[in-house]
């Protein structure tokens, strides 16, 4: 298994025989100058699953819908919010409402909630769980809103987190926002996440170019026996045995 950070909230996970791409926004160049997605991924013979959590421009690029014109073994699995928002049509993808499940001969994908638009995805493969949060996070904005309002945002997140914890008590990999725009407590949601659900590997999302700030979460993750995978650039890959 190889995990590659494409950009923002987009990760590519390659398994033997298939790949999963989450929340594609912009492509990233490889060392030879070719594109990770357009030149490499879309030219692989193996099946590809394209998952999209919601319609925000930094999580959904409509060009993904054209990929099926030349890559036939591609599966689009979207949050139903994309259909409701009008950015995609009925036949473009298989749509999941919160708590709905997609299954095929290799994967189980269950949709969970978000504290913003759309949802999040729990992917089961080879007796392991992989979680992509989309925009699920503790968006408390505690330095910009009243204490009461910040607590209401936090409670919303904790309720969604509890629903996920009821489904699984262990994740092999979590891809989760660590967004410095939230101020001094920007890692609060990520810490609440790994403290509630045992997480083996953690990758940050939604941090812009603030690699150093996002990587500060590594020390906190270690307190919860979670391996944080530090990022330094787009196109960075990690390899693990399955």
Protein backbone atom coordinates (compact mmCIF):
# COMPACT_ATOMS: atom_id res chain seq x y z
CA UNK A 1 0.00 0.00 0.00
CA UNK A 2 1.27 3.46 -0.95
CA UNK A 3 -0.28 6.72 0.27
CA UNK A 4 0.49 9.95 -1.59
CA UNK A 5 -0.39 13.50 -0.56
CA UNK A 6 -1.70 15.24 -3.68
CA UNK A 7 -2.87 18.60 -2.30
CA UNK A 8 -5.12 20.15 0.36
CA UNK A 9 -7.52 17.32 1.30
CA UNK A 10 -6.66 15.04 -1.61
CA UNK A 11 -4.90 11.76 -0.93
CA UNK A 12 -4.22 8.83 -3.23
CA UNK A 13 -4.05 5.33 -1.77
CA UNK A 14 -2.71 2.63 -4.08
CA UNK A 15 -3.31 -1.02 -3.29
CA UNK A 16 -2.41 -4.06 -5.32
CA UNK A 17 -4.94 -4.08 -8.16
CA UNK A 18 -6.78 -0.80 -7.47
CA UNK A 19 -6.50 2.74 -6.14
CA UNK A 20 -8.65 5.23 -4.21
CA UNK A 21 -8.52 9.00 -4.77
CA UNK A 22 -10.17 11.30 -2.21
CA UNK A 23 -11.40 14.88 -2.74
CA UNK A 24 -9.43 15.82 -5.84
CA UNK A 25 -8.84 19.57 -6.21
CA UNK A 26 -5.55 20.19 -8.03
CA UNK A 27 -2.97 17.90 -9.55
CA UNK A 28 0.61 17.75 -8.27
CA UNK A 29 3.78 17.22 -10.35
CA UNK A 30 5.93 14.14 -10.01
CA UNK A 31 9.71 14.29 -10.00
CA UNK A 32 9.80 14.01 -13.81
CA UNK A 33 7.33 16.88 -14.20
CA UNK A 34 4.35 14.70 -15.15
CA UNK A 35 1.12 14.93 -13.17
CA UNK A 36 0.44 12.51 -10.35
CA UNK A 37 -3.20 12.14 -11.33
CA UNK A 38 -3.56 13.07 -14.99
CA UNK A 39 -0.40 11.42 -16.29
CA UNK A 40 0.23 8.64 -13.79
CA UNK A 41 -2.95 7.55 -12.02
CA UNK A 42 -5.35 7.82 -14.95
CA UNK A 43 -3.01 5.76 -17.13
CA UNK A 44 -2.80 2.86 -14.71
CA UNK A 45 -4.67 -0.25 -15.86
CA UNK A 46 -6.05 -1.01 -12.41
CA UNK A 47 -9.49 0.05 -11.20
CA UNK A 48 -9.89 3.47 -9.65
CA UNK A 49 -12.36 4.65 -7.02
CA UNK A 50 -12.91 8.42 -6.92
CA UNK A 51 -14.53 9.60 -3.68
CA UNK A 52 -15.76 13.12 -3.05
CA UNK A 53 -17.02 14.33 0.32
CA UNK A 54 -18.76 17.58 -0.74
CA UNK A 55 -19.14 20.27 -3.35
CA UNK A 56 -16.80 22.99 -2.06
CA UNK A 57 -14.38 24.00 -4.83
CA UNK A 58 -11.35 22.90 -2.80
CA UNK A 59 -12.72 19.35 -2.48
CA UNK A 60 -14.45 18.84 -5.82
CA UNK A 61 -13.02 19.60 -9.26
CA UNK A 62 -15.67 18.97 -11.94
CA UNK A 63 -13.03 17.77 -14.39
CA UNK A 64 -13.02 14.43 -12.57
CA UNK A 65 -16.33 13.63 -14.27
CA UNK A 66 -14.61 13.63 -17.65
CA UNK A 67 -12.07 11.00 -16.64
CA UNK A 68 -14.52 8.19 -17.36
CA UNK A 69 -14.45 9.09 -21.03
CA UNK A 70 -11.09 7.37 -21.43
CA UNK A 71 -10.71 5.35 -18.24
CA UNK A 72 -13.56 2.85 -18.17
CA UNK A 73 -12.78 1.03 -14.92
CA UNK A 74 -13.49 4.02 -12.70
CA UNK A 75 -16.05 4.19 -9.89
CA UNK A 76 -17.39 7.54 -8.64
CA UNK A 77 -18.73 7.50 -5.09
CA UNK A 78 -19.93 10.88 -3.84
CA UNK A 79 -21.70 12.37 -0.89
CA UNK A 80 -25.29 13.04 -1.90
CA UNK A 81 -24.68 16.71 -1.12
CA UNK A 82 -22.99 17.05 -4.52
CA UNK A 83 -26.21 15.98 -6.23
CA UNK A 84 -28.35 18.24 -4.06
CA UNK A 85 -26.08 21.22 -4.67
CA UNK A 86 -26.34 20.73 -8.43
CA UNK A 87 -22.63 20.34 -9.20
CA UNK A 88 -23.20 16.79 -10.47
CA UNK A 89 -26.09 14.85 -11.96
CA UNK A 90 -27.89 11.62 -11.12
CA UNK A 91 -25.90 9.41 -13.48
CA UNK A 92 -22.50 10.86 -12.66
CA UNK A 93 -21.85 8.85 -9.51
CA UNK A 94 -23.21 6.56 -6.84
CA UNK A 95 -24.40 8.88 -4.07
CA UNK A 96 -24.37 8.11 -0.36
CA UNK A 97 -26.42 9.78 2.31
CA UNK A 98 -25.12 9.73 5.86
CA UNK A 99 -24.92 6.11 7.16
CA UNK A 100 -25.54 4.59 3.73
CA UNK A 101 -23.11 1.91 2.55
CA UNK A 102 -21.51 0.91 -0.74
CA UNK A 103 -20.09 -2.62 -1.06
CA UNK A 104 -18.40 -4.52 -3.82
CA UNK A 105 -16.06 -7.52 -4.03
CA UNK A 106 -13.22 -5.70 -2.27
CA UNK A 107 -14.41 -2.54 -0.47
CA UNK A 108 -17.00 -1.39 2.03
CA UNK A 109 -17.56 2.38 2.07
CA UNK A 110 -19.85 3.92 4.67
CA UNK A 111 -20.78 7.60 4.69
CA UNK A 112 -20.60 9.53 7.93
CA UNK A 113 -21.42 13.10 8.80
CA UNK A 114 -19.64 16.42 8.59
CA UNK A 115 -19.62 19.64 10.59
CA UNK A 116 -19.65 21.56 7.31
CA UNK A 117 -21.03 20.48 3.93
CA UNK A 118 -21.43 16.89 2.76
CA UNK A 119 -19.96 14.01 4.68
CA UNK A 120 -16.98 11.80 5.42
CA UNK A 121 -16.02 8.26 4.42
CA UNK A 122 -15.09 5.13 6.34
CA UNK A 123 -13.48 2.64 3.96
CA UNK A 124 -13.04 -0.99 4.91
CA UNK A 125 -10.52 -3.16 3.10
CA UNK A 126 -8.55 -6.26 4.10
CA UNK A 127 -9.86 -6.09 7.69
CA UNK A 128 -8.62 -2.52 8.12
CA UNK A 129 -10.46 0.79 8.30
CA UNK A 130 -9.41 3.98 6.51
CA UNK A 131 -11.15 7.29 7.29
CA UNK A 132 -11.27 10.45 5.19
CA UNK A 133 -12.87 13.27 7.15
CA UNK A 134 -13.78 15.65 4.34
CA UNK A 135 -14.59 18.82 6.31
CA UNK A 136 -15.49 16.99 9.52
CA UNK A 137 -13.65 18.83 12.28
CA UNK A 138 -14.12 20.86 15.42
CA UNK A 139 -14.56 24.18 13.64
CA UNK A 140 -14.83 26.05 16.95
CA UNK A 141 -13.47 29.43 15.77
CA UNK A 142 -13.03 30.18 19.47
CA UNK A 143 -11.03 33.37 18.82
CA UNK A 144 -13.70 34.80 16.51
CA UNK A 145 -17.07 33.90 18.05
CA UNK A 146 -18.63 33.86 21.50
CA UNK A 147 -17.82 31.09 23.95
CA UNK A 148 -21.38 29.81 23.67
CA UNK A 149 -21.19 29.64 19.89
CA UNK A 150 -17.78 27.96 19.95
CA UNK A 151 -19.13 25.32 22.35
CA UNK A 152 -22.10 24.67 20.08
CA UNK A 153 -19.72 24.02 17.17
CA UNK A 154 -17.66 21.72 19.35
CA UNK A 155 -20.69 19.75 20.54
CA UNK A 156 -21.77 19.28 16.93
CA UNK A 157 -18.38 17.76 16.16
CA UNK A 158 -18.36 15.54 19.24
CA UNK A 159 -21.77 14.13 18.31
CA UNK A 160 -20.54 13.24 14.81
CA UNK A 161 -17.37 11.76 16.28
CA UNK A 162 -19.42 9.59 18.61
CA UNK A 163 -21.39 8.14 15.69
CA UNK A 164 -18.12 7.10 14.05
CA UNK A 165 -16.80 5.66 17.31
CA UNK A 166 -19.92 3.52 17.60
CA UNK A 167 -19.05 1.99 14.21
CA UNK A 168 -15.36 1.29 14.86
CA UNK A 169 -12.98 1.58 17.78
CA UNK A 170 -9.86 1.42 15.62
CA UNK A 171 -8.64 3.01 12.42
CA UNK A 172 -5.59 1.97 10.47
CA UNK A 173 -5.38 5.38 8.83
CA UNK A 174 -7.13 8.71 9.38
CA UNK A 175 -6.91 11.69 7.00
CA UNK A 176 -8.16 14.63 9.04
CA UNK A 177 -8.09 18.48 9.00
CA UNK A 178 -5.39 20.29 10.97
CA UNK A 179 -6.20 23.85 9.95
CA UNK A 180 -4.14 26.71 11.47
CA UNK A 181 -6.84 29.24 10.59
CA UNK A 182 -8.67 28.11 13.74
CA UNK A 183 -6.10 29.92 15.91
CA UNK A 184 -4.12 28.68 18.87
CA UNK A 185 -6.41 25.67 19.41
CA UNK A 186 -6.28 24.57 15.76
CA UNK A 187 -5.28 21.01 16.71
CA UNK A 188 -8.15 20.54 19.17
CA UNK A 189 -10.41 18.57 16.83
CA UNK A 190 -7.60 16.27 15.71
CA UNK A 191 -6.66 15.54 19.32
CA UNK A 192 -10.27 14.82 20.24
CA UNK A 193 -10.41 12.47 17.27
CA UNK A 194 -7.36 10.34 18.11
CA UNK A 195 -8.21 10.35 21.82
CA UNK A 196 -11.68 8.91 21.09
CA UNK A 197 -10.79 6.43 18.33
CA UNK A 198 -7.57 4.43 18.36
CA UNK A 199 -5.75 5.49 15.21
CA UNK A 200 -2.60 3.79 13.95
CA UNK A 201 -1.59 6.31 11.26
CA UNK A 202 -2.58 9.98 10.93
CA UNK A 203 -2.24 12.29 7.93
CA UNK A 204 -3.18 16.00 8.07
CA UNK A 205 -5.42 17.86 5.62
CA UNK A 206 -6.67 21.38 4.97
CA UNK A 207 -3.52 23.16 6.19
CA UNK A 208 -2.56 25.10 3.04
CA UNK A 209 1.19 25.65 2.90
CA UNK A 210 1.56 25.57 6.69
CA UNK A 211 3.48 22.29 6.84
CA UNK A 212 5.38 23.22 10.01
CA UNK A 213 2.22 24.07 11.92
CA UNK A 214 0.39 20.94 10.77
CA UNK A 215 3.38 18.79 11.73
CA UNK A 216 3.20 20.06 15.29
CA UNK A 217 0.39 17.57 15.74
CA UNK A 218 2.96 14.78 15.68
CA UNK A 219 3.82 15.33 19.35
CA UNK A 220 0.18 15.20 20.38
CA UNK A 221 -0.52 12.12 18.26
CA UNK A 222 2.34 10.30 19.99
CA UNK A 223 0.60 10.77 23.37
CA UNK A 224 -2.19 8.58 22.03
CA UNK A 225 0.10 5.94 20.52
CA UNK A 226 -0.70 7.24 17.04
CA UNK A 227 1.96 7.55 14.33
CA UNK A 228 1.80 10.95 12.69
CA UNK A 229 3.14 11.01 9.12
CA UNK A 230 4.91 14.36 8.67
CA UNK A 231 4.53 16.16 5.36
CA UNK A 232 7.00 18.51 3.71
CA UNK A 233 5.75 18.80 0.12
CA UNK A 234 3.05 17.89 -2.38
CA UNK A 235 3.49 14.49 -3.97
CA UNK A 236 5.07 12.98 -0.85
CA UNK A 237 4.47 9.22 -0.56
CA UNK A 238 4.53 6.66 2.25
CA UNK A 239 4.68 2.90 1.74
CA UNK A 240 3.26 0.26 4.09
CA UNK A 241 2.76 -3.48 3.91
CA UNK A 242 -0.75 -4.89 3.98
